[in-house]
């Protein structure tokens, strides 16, 4: 499974969009400050993610989301996400630092 995700910085409320095939590992990478861009805006909270069967699909979606460059678009996407508990990763089973299970939105 491949994932497209959106993180929100608690420092300045900016968004970061990425894709990966291992969401837990990638979130830990961001949380540990190992990404050049995200290390400057710690801490991050996972606010949205989508699952895809192929990397090609995930890359297309990531590219589309990054091209929007529209904060209101991202907020609307997050607020209408059927995954529930958006902005409250402790309730969704995922966080920017520790994850116990994965459940996705289609």
PDB file of N, CA and C in Angstrom:
ATOM      1  N   UNK A   1       0.844  -1.173   0.000  1.00  0.00           N
ATOM      2  CA  UNK A   1       0.000   0.000   0.000  1.00  0.00           C
ATOM      3  C   UNK A   1       0.892   1.240   0.000  1.00  0.00           C
ATOM      4  N   UNK A   2       0.429   2.279  -0.664  1.00  0.00           N
ATOM      5  CA  UNK A   2       1.140   3.561  -0.729  1.00  0.00           C
ATOM      6  C   UNK A   2       0.240   4.644  -0.151  1.00  0.00           C
ATOM      7  N   UNK A   3       0.861   5.637   0.440  1.00  0.00           N
ATOM      8  CA  UNK A   3       0.117   6.672   1.148  1.00  0.00           C
ATOM      9  C   UNK A   3       0.526   8.062   0.677  1.00  0.00           C
ATOM     10  N   UNK A   4      -0.463   8.939   0.607  1.00  0.00           N
ATOM     11  CA  UNK A   4      -0.237  10.374   0.436  1.00  0.00           C
ATOM     12  C   UNK A   4      -0.717  10.979   1.747  1.00  0.00           C
ATOM     13  N   UNK A   5       0.077  11.853   2.331  1.00  0.00           N
ATOM     14  CA  UNK A   5      -0.275  12.368   3.652  1.00  0.00           C
ATOM     15  C   UNK A   5      -0.052  13.870   3.730  1.00  0.00           C
ATOM     16  N   UNK A   6      -0.749  14.464   4.681  1.00  0.00           N
ATOM     17  CA  UNK A   6      -0.566  15.889   4.969  1.00  0.00           C
ATOM     18  C   UNK A   6      -0.246  16.024   6.451  1.00  0.00           C
ATOM     19  N   UNK A   7       0.835  16.726   6.731  1.00  0.00           N
ATOM     20  CA  UNK A   7       1.214  17.055   8.098  1.00  0.00           C
ATOM     21  C   UNK A   7       0.945  18.534   8.324  1.00  0.00           C
ATOM     22  N   UNK A   8       0.646  18.891   9.552  1.00  0.00           N
ATOM     23  CA  UNK A   8       0.483  20.289   9.924  1.00  0.00           C
ATOM     24  C   UNK A   8       1.495  20.608  11.018  1.00  0.00           C
ATOM     25  N   UNK A   9       2.224  21.705  10.847  1.00  0.00           N
ATOM     26  CA  UNK A   9       3.210  22.117  11.831  1.00  0.00           C
ATOM     27  C   UNK A   9       2.518  22.802  12.998  1.00  0.00           C
ATOM     28  N   UNK A  10       2.824  22.353  14.199  1.00  0.00           N
ATOM     29  CA  UNK A  10       2.296  23.030  15.384  1.00  0.00           C
ATOM     30  C   UNK A  10       3.015  24.353  15.612  1.00  0.00           C
ATOM     31  N   UNK A  11       4.167  24.514  14.992  1.00  0.00           N
ATOM     32  CA  UNK A  11       4.954  25.749  15.151  1.00  0.00           C
ATOM     33  C   UNK A  11       4.315  26.921  14.415  1.00  0.00           C
ATOM     34  N   UNK A  12       3.924  26.688  13.148  1.00  0.00           N
ATOM     35  CA  UNK A  12       3.377  27.797  12.367  1.00  0.00           C
ATOM     36  C   UNK A  12       2.141  27.428  11.538  1.00  0.00           C
ATOM     37  N   UNK A  13       1.581  26.256  11.778  1.00  0.00           N
ATOM     38  CA  UNK A  13       0.368  25.782  11.113  1.00  0.00           C
ATOM     39  C   UNK A  13       0.529  25.627   9.595  1.00  0.00           C
ATOM     40  N   UNK A  14       1.760  25.517   9.116  1.00  0.00           N
ATOM     41  CA  UNK A  14       1.970  25.252   7.697  1.00  0.00           C
ATOM     42  C   UNK A  14       1.709  23.775   7.418  1.00  0.00           C
ATOM     43  N   UNK A  15       1.563  23.442   6.143  1.00  0.00           N
ATOM     44  CA  UNK A  15       1.305  22.065   5.745  1.00  0.00           C
ATOM     45  C   UNK A  15       2.512  21.488   5.026  1.00  0.00           C
ATOM     46  N   UNK A  16       2.669  20.185   5.144  1.00  0.00           N
ATOM     47  CA  UNK A  16       3.671  19.451   4.389  1.00  0.00           C
ATOM     48  C   UNK A  16       2.954  18.267   3.751  1.00  0.00           C
ATOM     49  N   UNK A  17       3.158  18.054   2.453  1.00  0.00           N
ATOM     50  CA  UNK A  17       2.523  16.965   1.722  1.00  0.00           C
ATOM     51  C   UNK A  17       3.599  16.010   1.248  1.00  0.00           C
ATOM     52  N   UNK A  18       3.380  14.730   1.451  1.00  0.00           N
ATOM     53  CA  UNK A  18       4.346  13.730   1.017  1.00  0.00           C
ATOM     54  C   UNK A  18       3.666  12.435   0.645  1.00  0.00           C
ATOM     55  N   UNK A  19       4.474  11.476   0.198  1.00  0.00           N
ATOM     56  CA  UNK A  19       3.964  10.143  -0.125  1.00  0.00           C
ATOM     57  C   UNK A  19       5.015   9.122   0.290  1.00  0.00           C
ATOM     58  N   UNK A  20       4.548   7.924   0.603  1.00  0.00           N
ATOM     59  CA  UNK A  20       5.439   6.863   1.072  1.00  0.00           C
ATOM     60  C   UNK A  20       4.757   5.510   0.954  1.00  0.00           C
ATOM     61  N   UNK A  21       5.530   4.457   1.071  1.00  0.00           N
ATOM     62  CA  UNK A  21       4.946   3.121   1.142  1.00  0.00           C
ATOM     63  C   UNK A  21       4.971   2.591   2.570  1.00  0.00           C
ATOM     64  N   UNK A  22       5.535   3.360   3.496  1.00  0.00           N
ATOM     65  CA  UNK A  22       5.577   2.966   4.913  1.00  0.00           C
ATOM     66  C   UNK A  22       5.276   4.215   5.746  1.00  0.00           C
ATOM     67  N   UNK A  23       4.008   4.420   6.017  1.00  0.00           N
ATOM     68  CA  UNK A  23       3.575   5.652   6.682  1.00  0.00           C
ATOM     69  C   UNK A  23       4.182   5.784   8.075  1.00  0.00           C
ATOM     70  N   UNK A  24       4.209   4.724   8.837  1.00  0.00           N
ATOM     71  CA  UNK A  24       4.770   4.804  10.188  1.00  0.00           C
ATOM     72  C   UNK A  24       6.244   5.206  10.168  1.00  0.00           C
ATOM     73  N   UNK A  25       7.020   4.585   9.294  1.00  0.00           N
ATOM     74  CA  UNK A  25       8.446   4.900   9.188  1.00  0.00           C
ATOM     75  C   UNK A  25       8.645   6.352   8.745  1.00  0.00           C
ATOM     76  N   UNK A  26       7.867   6.782   7.779  1.00  0.00           N
ATOM     77  CA  UNK A  26       8.018   8.144   7.255  1.00  0.00           C
ATOM     78  C   UNK A  26       7.637   9.194   8.299  1.00  0.00           C
ATOM     79  N   UNK A  27       6.586   8.940   9.067  1.00  0.00           N
ATOM     80  CA  UNK A  27       6.198   9.882  10.115  1.00  0.00           C
ATOM     81  C   UNK A  27       7.272   9.969  11.190  1.00  0.00           C
ATOM     82  N   UNK A  28       7.865   8.834  11.536  1.00  0.00           N
ATOM     83  CA  UNK A  28       8.956   8.837  12.512  1.00  0.00           C
ATOM     84  C   UNK A  28      10.143   9.637  11.969  1.00  0.00           C
ATOM     85  N   UNK A  29      10.419   9.503  10.669  1.00  0.00           N
ATOM     86  CA  UNK A  29      11.493  10.246  10.009  1.00  0.00           C
ATOM     87  C   UNK A  29      11.285  11.745  10.186  1.00  0.00           C
ATOM     88  N   UNK A  30      10.050  12.203   9.933  1.00  0.00           N
ATOM     89  CA  UNK A  30       9.739  13.634  10.107  1.00  0.00           C
ATOM     90  C   UNK A  30       9.843  14.026  11.578  1.00  0.00           C
ATOM     91  N   UNK A  31       9.294  13.212  12.448  1.00  0.00           N
ATOM     92  CA  UNK A  31       9.247  13.525  13.870  1.00  0.00           C
ATOM     93  C   UNK A  31      10.642  13.606  14.493  1.00  0.00           C
ATOM     94  N   UNK A  32      11.581  12.860  13.946  1.00  0.00           N
ATOM     95  CA  UNK A  32      12.947  12.865  14.461  1.00  0.00           C
ATOM     96  C   UNK A  32      13.792  13.990  13.860  1.00  0.00           C
ATOM     97  N   UNK A  33      13.184  14.794  12.986  1.00  0.00           N
ATOM     98  CA  UNK A  33      13.889  15.922  12.395  1.00  0.00           C
ATOM     99  C   UNK A  33      14.878  15.542  11.317  1.00  0.00           C
ATOM    100  N   UNK A  34      14.680  14.391  10.676  1.00  0.00           N
ATOM    101  CA  UNK A  34      15.620  13.906   9.672  1.00  0.00           C
ATOM    102  C   UNK A  34      15.359  14.449   8.271  1.00  0.00           C
ATOM    103  N   UNK A  35      14.244  15.123   8.076  1.00  0.00           N
ATOM    104  CA  UNK A  35      13.935  15.755   6.799  1.00  0.00           C
ATOM    105  C   UNK A  35      14.361  17.218   6.891  1.00  0.00           C
ATOM    106  N   UNK A  36      15.131  17.687   5.915  1.00  0.00           N
ATOM    107  CA  UNK A  36      15.656  19.049   5.954  1.00  0.00           C
ATOM    108  C   UNK A  36      14.546  20.089   6.125  1.00  0.00           C
ATOM    109  N   UNK A  37      13.471  19.975   5.321  1.00  0.00           N
ATOM    110  CA  UNK A  37      12.391  20.958   5.387  1.00  0.00           C
ATOM    111  C   UNK A  37      11.598  20.843   6.685  1.00  0.00           C
ATOM    112  N   UNK A  38      11.171  19.653   7.028  1.00  0.00           N
ATOM    113  CA  UNK A  38      10.280  19.508   8.178  1.00  0.00           C
ATOM    114  C   UNK A  38      11.008  19.674   9.516  1.00  0.00           C
ATOM    115  N   UNK A  39      12.321  19.521   9.547  1.00  0.00           N
ATOM    116  CA  UNK A  39      13.054  19.646  10.814  1.00  0.00           C
ATOM    117  C   UNK A  39      12.972  21.063  11.373  1.00  0.00           C
ATOM    118  N   UNK A  40      12.721  22.038  10.524  1.00  0.00           N
ATOM    119  CA  UNK A  40      12.681  23.433  10.960  1.00  0.00           C
ATOM    120  C   UNK A  40      11.338  23.842  11.544  1.00  0.00           C
ATOM    121  N   UNK A  41      10.338  22.962  11.415  1.00  0.00           N
ATOM    122  CA  UNK A  41       8.993  23.338  11.839  1.00  0.00           C
ATOM    123  C   UNK A  41       8.381  22.306  12.790  1.00  0.00           C
ATOM    124  N   UNK A  42       9.212  21.624  13.549  1.00  0.00           N
ATOM    125  CA  UNK A  42       8.732  20.640  14.519  1.00  0.00           C
ATOM    126  C   UNK A  42       7.930  21.325  15.614  1.00  0.00           C
ATOM    127  N   UNK A  43       6.983  20.676  16.206  1.00  0.00           N
ATOM    128  CA  UNK A  43       6.492  19.322  15.932  1.00  0.00           C
ATOM    129  C   UNK A  43       5.406  19.325  14.846  1.00  0.00           C
ATOM    130  N   UNK A  44       5.212  18.169  14.228  1.00  0.00           N
ATOM    131  CA  UNK A  44       4.221  17.969  13.182  1.00  0.00           C
ATOM    132  C   UNK A  44       3.122  17.047  13.669  1.00  0.00           C
ATOM    133  N   UNK A  45       1.930  17.235  13.109  1.00  0.00           N
ATOM    134  CA  UNK A  45       0.787  16.382  13.417  1.00  0.00           C
ATOM    135  C   UNK A  45       0.229  15.856  12.099  1.00  0.00           C
ATOM    136  N   UNK A  46      -0.014  14.562  12.042  1.00  0.00           N
ATOM    137  CA  UNK A  46      -0.654  13.984  10.873  1.00  0.00           C
ATOM    138  C   UNK A  46      -2.116  14.393  10.886  1.00  0.00           C
ATOM    139  N   UNK A  47      -2.575  15.077   9.824  1.00  0.00           N
ATOM    140  CA  UNK A  47      -3.960  15.549   9.776  1.00  0.00           C
ATOM    141  C   UNK A  47      -4.771  14.900   8.659  1.00  0.00           C
ATOM    142  N   UNK A  48      -4.080  14.158   7.764  1.00  0.00           N
ATOM    143  CA  UNK A  48      -4.797  13.591   6.619  1.00  0.00           C
ATOM    144  C   UNK A  48      -3.925  12.562   5.927  1.00  0.00           C
ATOM    145  N   UNK A  49      -4.545  11.491   5.455  1.00  0.00           N
ATOM    146  CA  UNK A  49      -3.826  10.571   4.576  1.00  0.00           C
ATOM    147  C   UNK A  49      -4.801   9.784   3.714  1.00  0.00           C
ATOM    148  N   UNK A  50      -4.294   9.303   2.591  1.00  0.00           N
ATOM    149  CA  UNK A  50      -5.050   8.492   1.641  1.00  0.00           C
ATOM    150  C   UNK A  50      -4.205   7.276   1.288  1.00  0.00           C
ATOM    151  N   UNK A  51      -4.865   6.163   0.996  1.00  0.00           N
ATOM    152  CA  UNK A  51      -4.170   4.944   0.596  1.00  0.00           C
ATOM    153  C   UNK A  51      -4.334   4.708  -0.903  1.00  0.00           C
ATOM    154  N   UNK A  52      -3.272   4.200  -1.521  1.00  0.00           N
ATOM    155  CA  UNK A  52      -3.296   3.864  -2.944  1.00  0.00           C
ATOM    156  C   UNK A  52      -2.638   2.504  -3.151  1.00  0.00           C
ATOM    157  N   UNK A  53      -3.057   1.820  -4.200  1.00  0.00           N
ATOM    158  CA  UNK A  53      -2.510   0.495  -4.492  1.00  0.00           C
ATOM    159  C   UNK A  53      -1.167   0.568  -5.205  1.00  0.00           C
ATOM    160  N   UNK A  54      -0.889   1.674  -5.889  1.00  0.00           N
ATOM    161  CA  UNK A  54       0.373   1.777  -6.622  1.00  0.00           C
ATOM    162  C   UNK A  54       1.071   3.101  -6.320  1.00  0.00           C
ATOM    163  N   UNK A  55       2.387   3.078  -6.464  1.00  0.00           N
ATOM    164  CA  UNK A  55       3.169   4.296  -6.267  1.00  0.00           C
ATOM    165  C   UNK A  55       2.800   5.338  -7.321  1.00  0.00           C
ATOM    166  N   UNK A  56       2.510   4.895  -8.531  1.00  0.00           N
ATOM    167  CA  UNK A  56       2.130   5.818  -9.604  1.00  0.00           C
ATOM    168  C   UNK A  56       0.905   6.629  -9.221  1.00  0.00           C
ATOM    169  N   UNK A  57      -0.112   5.959  -8.673  1.00  0.00           N
ATOM    170  CA  UNK A  57      -1.330   6.666  -8.241  1.00  0.00           C
ATOM    171  C   UNK A  57      -1.006   7.658  -7.124  1.00  0.00           C
ATOM    172  N   UNK A  58      -0.202   7.222  -6.153  1.00  0.00           N
ATOM    173  CA  UNK A  58       0.154   8.074  -5.023  1.00  0.00           C
ATOM    174  C   UNK A  58       0.944   9.304  -5.496  1.00  0.00           C
ATOM    175  N   UNK A  59       1.879   9.093  -6.414  1.00  0.00           N
ATOM    176  CA  UNK A  59       2.669  10.218  -6.925  1.00  0.00           C
ATOM    177  C   UNK A  59       1.804  11.225  -7.676  1.00  0.00           C
ATOM    178  N   UNK A  60       0.845  10.726  -8.450  1.00  0.00           N
ATOM    179  CA  UNK A  60      -0.069  11.626  -9.163  1.00  0.00           C
ATOM    180  C   UNK A  60      -0.872  12.465  -8.183  1.00  0.00           C
ATOM    181  N   UNK A  61      -1.375  11.829  -7.135  1.00  0.00           N
ATOM    182  CA  UNK A  61      -2.179  12.547  -6.135  1.00  0.00           C
ATOM    183  C   UNK A  61      -1.318  13.548  -5.362  1.00  0.00           C
ATOM    184  N   UNK A  62      -0.110  13.142  -4.991  1.00  0.00           N
ATOM    185  CA  UNK A  62       0.791  14.047  -4.280  1.00  0.00           C
ATOM    186  C   UNK A  62       1.085  15.275  -5.142  1.00  0.00           C
ATOM    187  N   UNK A  63       1.387  15.050  -6.396  1.00  0.00           N
ATOM    188  CA  UNK A  63       1.671  16.155  -7.319  1.00  0.00           C
ATOM    189  C   UNK A  63       0.468  17.091  -7.421  1.00  0.00           C
ATOM    190  N   UNK A  64      -0.724  16.515  -7.563  1.00  0.00           N
ATOM    191  CA  UNK A  64      -1.941  17.329  -7.645  1.00  0.00           C
ATOM    192  C   UNK A  64      -2.103  18.187  -6.388  1.00  0.00           C
ATOM    193  N   UNK A  65      -1.961  17.572  -5.225  1.00  0.00           N
ATOM    194  CA  UNK A  65      -2.142  18.312  -3.975  1.00  0.00           C
ATOM    195  C   UNK A  65      -1.109  19.434  -3.837  1.00  0.00           C
ATOM    196  N   UNK A  66       0.131  19.156  -4.183  1.00  0.00           N
ATOM    197  CA  UNK A  66       1.174  20.180  -4.082  1.00  0.00           C
ATOM    198  C   UNK A  66       0.936  21.333  -5.052  1.00  0.00           C
ATOM    199  N   UNK A  67       0.360  21.052  -6.206  1.00  0.00           N
ATOM    200  CA  UNK A  67       0.098  22.098  -7.192  1.00  0.00           C
ATOM    201  C   UNK A  67      -1.017  23.045  -6.748  1.00  0.00           C
ATOM    202  N   UNK A  68      -1.848  22.626  -5.830  1.00  0.00           N
ATOM    203  CA  UNK A  68      -2.960  23.474  -5.393  1.00  0.00           C
ATOM    204  C   UNK A  68      -2.468  24.719  -4.676  1.00  0.00           C
ATOM    205  N   UNK A  69      -1.471  24.583  -3.840  1.00  0.00           N
ATOM    206  CA  UNK A  69      -0.905  25.727  -3.108  1.00  0.00           C
ATOM    207  C   UNK A  69      -1.989  26.657  -2.560  1.00  0.00           C
ATOM    208  N   UNK A  70      -3.003  26.041  -1.980  1.00  0.00           N
ATOM    209  CA  UNK A  70      -4.149  26.803  -1.506  1.00  0.00           C
ATOM    210  C   UNK A  70      -4.535  26.309  -0.122  1.00  0.00           C
ATOM    211  N   UNK A  71      -4.257  27.099   0.883  1.00  0.00           N
ATOM    212  CA  UNK A  71      -4.508  26.722   2.274  1.00  0.00           C
ATOM    213  C   UNK A  71      -5.977  26.363   2.510  1.00  0.00           C
ATOM    214  N   UNK A  72      -6.895  27.113   1.910  1.00  0.00           N
ATOM    215  CA  UNK A  72      -8.318  26.819   2.077  1.00  0.00           C
ATOM    216  C   UNK A  72      -8.682  25.479   1.447  1.00  0.00           C
ATOM    217  N   UNK A  73      -8.071  25.148   0.318  1.00  0.00           N
ATOM    218  CA  UNK A  73      -8.300  23.850  -0.311  1.00  0.00           C
ATOM    219  C   UNK A  73      -7.875  22.733   0.634  1.00  0.00           C
ATOM    220  N   UNK A  74      -6.677  22.847   1.228  1.00  0.00           N
ATOM    221  CA  UNK A  74      -6.183  21.823   2.146  1.00  0.00           C
ATOM    222  C   UNK A  74      -7.072  21.717   3.381  1.00  0.00           C
ATOM    223  N   UNK A  75      -7.472  22.849   3.934  1.00  0.00           N
ATOM    224  CA  UNK A  75      -8.339  22.826   5.120  1.00  0.00           C
ATOM    225  C   UNK A  75      -9.671  22.149   4.815  1.00  0.00           C
ATOM    226  N   UNK A  76     -10.238  22.439   3.648  1.00  0.00           N
ATOM    227  CA  UNK A  76     -11.495  21.817   3.254  1.00  0.00           C
ATOM    228  C   UNK A  76     -11.328  20.309   3.084  1.00  0.00           C
ATOM    229  N   UNK A  77     -10.246  19.906   2.455  1.00  0.00           N
ATOM    230  CA  UNK A  77      -9.958  18.489   2.266  1.00  0.00           C
ATOM    231  C   UNK A  77      -9.856  17.784   3.618  1.00  0.00           C
ATOM    232  N   UNK A  78      -9.138  18.382   4.543  1.00  0.00           N
ATOM    233  CA  UNK A  78      -8.942  17.811   5.872  1.00  0.00           C
ATOM    234  C   UNK A  78     -10.265  17.753   6.637  1.00  0.00           C
ATOM    235  N   UNK A  79     -11.047  18.824   6.601  1.00  0.00           N
ATOM    236  CA  UNK A  79     -12.315  18.870   7.334  1.00  0.00           C
ATOM    237  C   UNK A  79     -13.332  17.876   6.797  1.00  0.00           C
ATOM    238  N   UNK A  80     -13.275  17.583   5.502  1.00  0.00           N
ATOM    239  CA  UNK A  80     -14.237  16.673   4.897  1.00  0.00           C
ATOM    240  C   UNK A  80     -13.732  15.247   4.767  1.00  0.00           C
ATOM    241  N   UNK A  81     -12.583  14.965   5.323  1.00  0.00           N
ATOM    242  CA  UNK A  81     -11.987  13.635   5.249  1.00  0.00           C
ATOM    243  C   UNK A  81     -12.848  12.628   6.000  1.00  0.00           C
ATOM    244  N   UNK A  82     -13.265  11.550   5.335  1.00  0.00           N
ATOM    245  CA  UNK A  82     -14.105  10.548   5.997  1.00  0.00           C
ATOM    246  C   UNK A  82     -13.332   9.686   6.985  1.00  0.00           C
ATOM    247  N   UNK A  83     -12.025   9.897   7.118  1.00  0.00           N
ATOM    248  CA  UNK A  83     -11.225   9.118   8.051  1.00  0.00           C
ATOM    249  C   UNK A  83     -11.495   9.463   9.501  1.00  0.00           C
ATOM    250  N   UNK A  84     -12.272  10.516   9.737  1.00  0.00           N
ATOM    251  CA  UNK A  84     -12.606  10.920  11.098  1.00  0.00           C
ATOM    252  C   UNK A  84     -11.384  11.375  11.879  1.00  0.00           C
ATOM    253  N   UNK A  85     -11.593  11.848  13.043  1.00  0.00           N
ATOM    254  CA  UNK A  85     -10.581  12.276  14.006  1.00  0.00           C
ATOM    255  C   UNK A  85      -9.421  13.040  13.367  1.00  0.00           C
ATOM    256  N   UNK A  86      -9.707  13.823  12.341  1.00  0.00           N
ATOM    257  CA  UNK A  86      -8.665  14.612  11.699  1.00  0.00           C
ATOM    258  C   UNK A  86      -8.120  15.615  12.698  1.00  0.00           C
ATOM    259  N   UNK A  87      -6.826  15.718  12.756  1.00  0.00           N
ATOM    260  CA  UNK A  87      -6.188  16.621  13.697  1.00  0.00           C
ATOM    261  C   UNK A  87      -6.043  16.016  15.080  1.00  0.00           C
ATOM    262  N   UNK A  88      -6.573  14.823  15.250  1.00  0.00           N
ATOM    263  CA  UNK A  88      -6.472  14.133  16.522  1.00  0.00           C
ATOM    264  C   UNK A  88      -5.920  12.737  16.276  1.00  0.00           C
ATOM    265  N   UNK A  89      -4.638  12.645  15.904  1.00  0.00           N
ATOM    266  CA  UNK A  89      -4.078  11.364  15.510  1.00  0.00           C
ATOM    267  C   UNK A  89      -4.110  10.319  16.613  1.00  0.00           C
ATOM    268  N   UNK A  90      -4.152  10.744  17.865  1.00  0.00           N
ATOM    269  CA  UNK A  90      -4.222   9.750  18.930  1.00  0.00           C
ATOM    270  C   UNK A  90      -5.528   8.953  18.848  1.00  0.00           C
ATOM    271  N   UNK A  91      -6.555   9.523  18.218  1.00  0.00           N
ATOM    272  CA  UNK A  91      -7.826   8.828  18.040  1.00  0.00           C
ATOM    273  C   UNK A  91      -7.885   8.053  16.729  1.00  0.00           C
ATOM    274  N   UNK A  92      -7.023   8.389  15.782  1.00  0.00           N
ATOM    275  CA  UNK A  92      -7.066   7.728  14.471  1.00  0.00           C
ATOM    276  C   UNK A  92      -6.152   6.519  14.414  1.00  0.00           C
ATOM    277  N   UNK A  93      -5.327   6.326  15.434  1.00  0.00           N
ATOM    278  CA  UNK A  93      -4.389   5.218  15.421  1.00  0.00           C
ATOM    279  C   UNK A  93      -3.046   5.602  14.827  1.00  0.00           C
ATOM    280  N   UNK A  94      -2.887   6.842  14.389  1.00  0.00           N
ATOM    281  CA  UNK A  94      -1.627   7.310  13.818  1.00  0.00           C
ATOM    282  C   UNK A  94      -1.246   8.637  14.443  1.00  0.00           C
ATOM    283  N   UNK A  95       0.031   8.883  14.538  1.00  0.00           N
ATOM    284  CA  UNK A  95       0.501  10.189  14.975  1.00  0.00           C
ATOM    285  C   UNK A  95       1.786  10.493  14.231  1.00  0.00           C
ATOM    286  N   UNK A  96       2.290  11.660  14.413  1.00  0.00           N
ATOM    287  CA  UNK A  96       3.534  12.004  13.746  1.00  0.00           C
ATOM    288  C   UNK A  96       4.725  11.368  14.450  1.00  0.00           C
ATOM    289  N   UNK A  97       4.509  10.717  15.591  1.00  0.00           N
ATOM    290  CA  UNK A  97       5.633  10.078  16.270  1.00  0.00           C
ATOM    291  C   UNK A  97       5.447   8.585  16.494  1.00  0.00           C
ATOM    292  N   UNK A  98       4.258   8.156  16.835  1.00  0.00           N
ATOM    293  CA  UNK A  98       4.045   6.728  17.099  1.00  0.00           C
ATOM    294  C   UNK A  98       2.730   6.292  16.492  1.00  0.00           C
ATOM    295  N   UNK A  99       2.761   5.134  15.871  1.00  0.00           N
ATOM    296  CA  UNK A  99       1.546   4.596  15.282  1.00  0.00           C
ATOM    297  C   UNK A  99       1.378   3.154  15.752  1.00  0.00           C
ATOM    298  N   UNK A 100       0.160   2.772  16.050  1.00  0.00           N
ATOM    299  CA  UNK A 100      -0.075   1.399  16.479  1.00  0.00           C
ATOM    300  C   UNK A 100      -0.792   0.593  15.432  1.00  0.00           C
ATOM    301  N   UNK A 101      -1.577   1.255  14.576  1.00  0.00           N
ATOM    302  CA  UNK A 101      -2.299   0.560  13.522  1.00  0.00           C
ATOM    303  C   UNK A 101      -2.544   1.523  12.391  1.00  0.00           C
ATOM    304  N   UNK A 102      -2.849   1.002  11.237  1.00  0.00           N
ATOM    305  CA  UNK A 102      -3.141   1.851  10.076  1.00  0.00           C
ATOM    306  C   UNK A 102      -4.563   1.653   9.643  1.00  0.00           C
ATOM    307  N   UNK A 103      -5.285   2.739   9.504  1.00  0.00           N
ATOM    308  CA  UNK A 103      -6.609   2.671   8.896  1.00  0.00           C
ATOM    309  C   UNK A 103      -6.668   3.827   7.931  1.00  0.00           C
ATOM    310  N   UNK A 104      -7.202   3.587   6.754  1.00  0.00           N
ATOM    311  CA  UNK A 104      -7.097   4.602   5.734  1.00  0.00           C
ATOM    312  C   UNK A 104      -8.425   5.110   5.254  1.00  0.00           C
ATOM    313  N   UNK A 105      -8.335   6.146   4.482  1.00  0.00           N
ATOM    314  CA  UNK A 105      -9.517   6.739   3.835  1.00  0.00           C
ATOM    315  C   UNK A 105      -9.399   6.481   2.361  1.00  0.00           C
ATOM    316  N   UNK A 106     -10.455   6.158   1.747  1.00  0.00           N
ATOM    317  CA  UNK A 106     -10.437   5.919   0.301  1.00  0.00           C
ATOM    318  C   UNK A 106     -11.053   7.080  -0.419  1.00  0.00           C
TER     319      UNK A 106
END
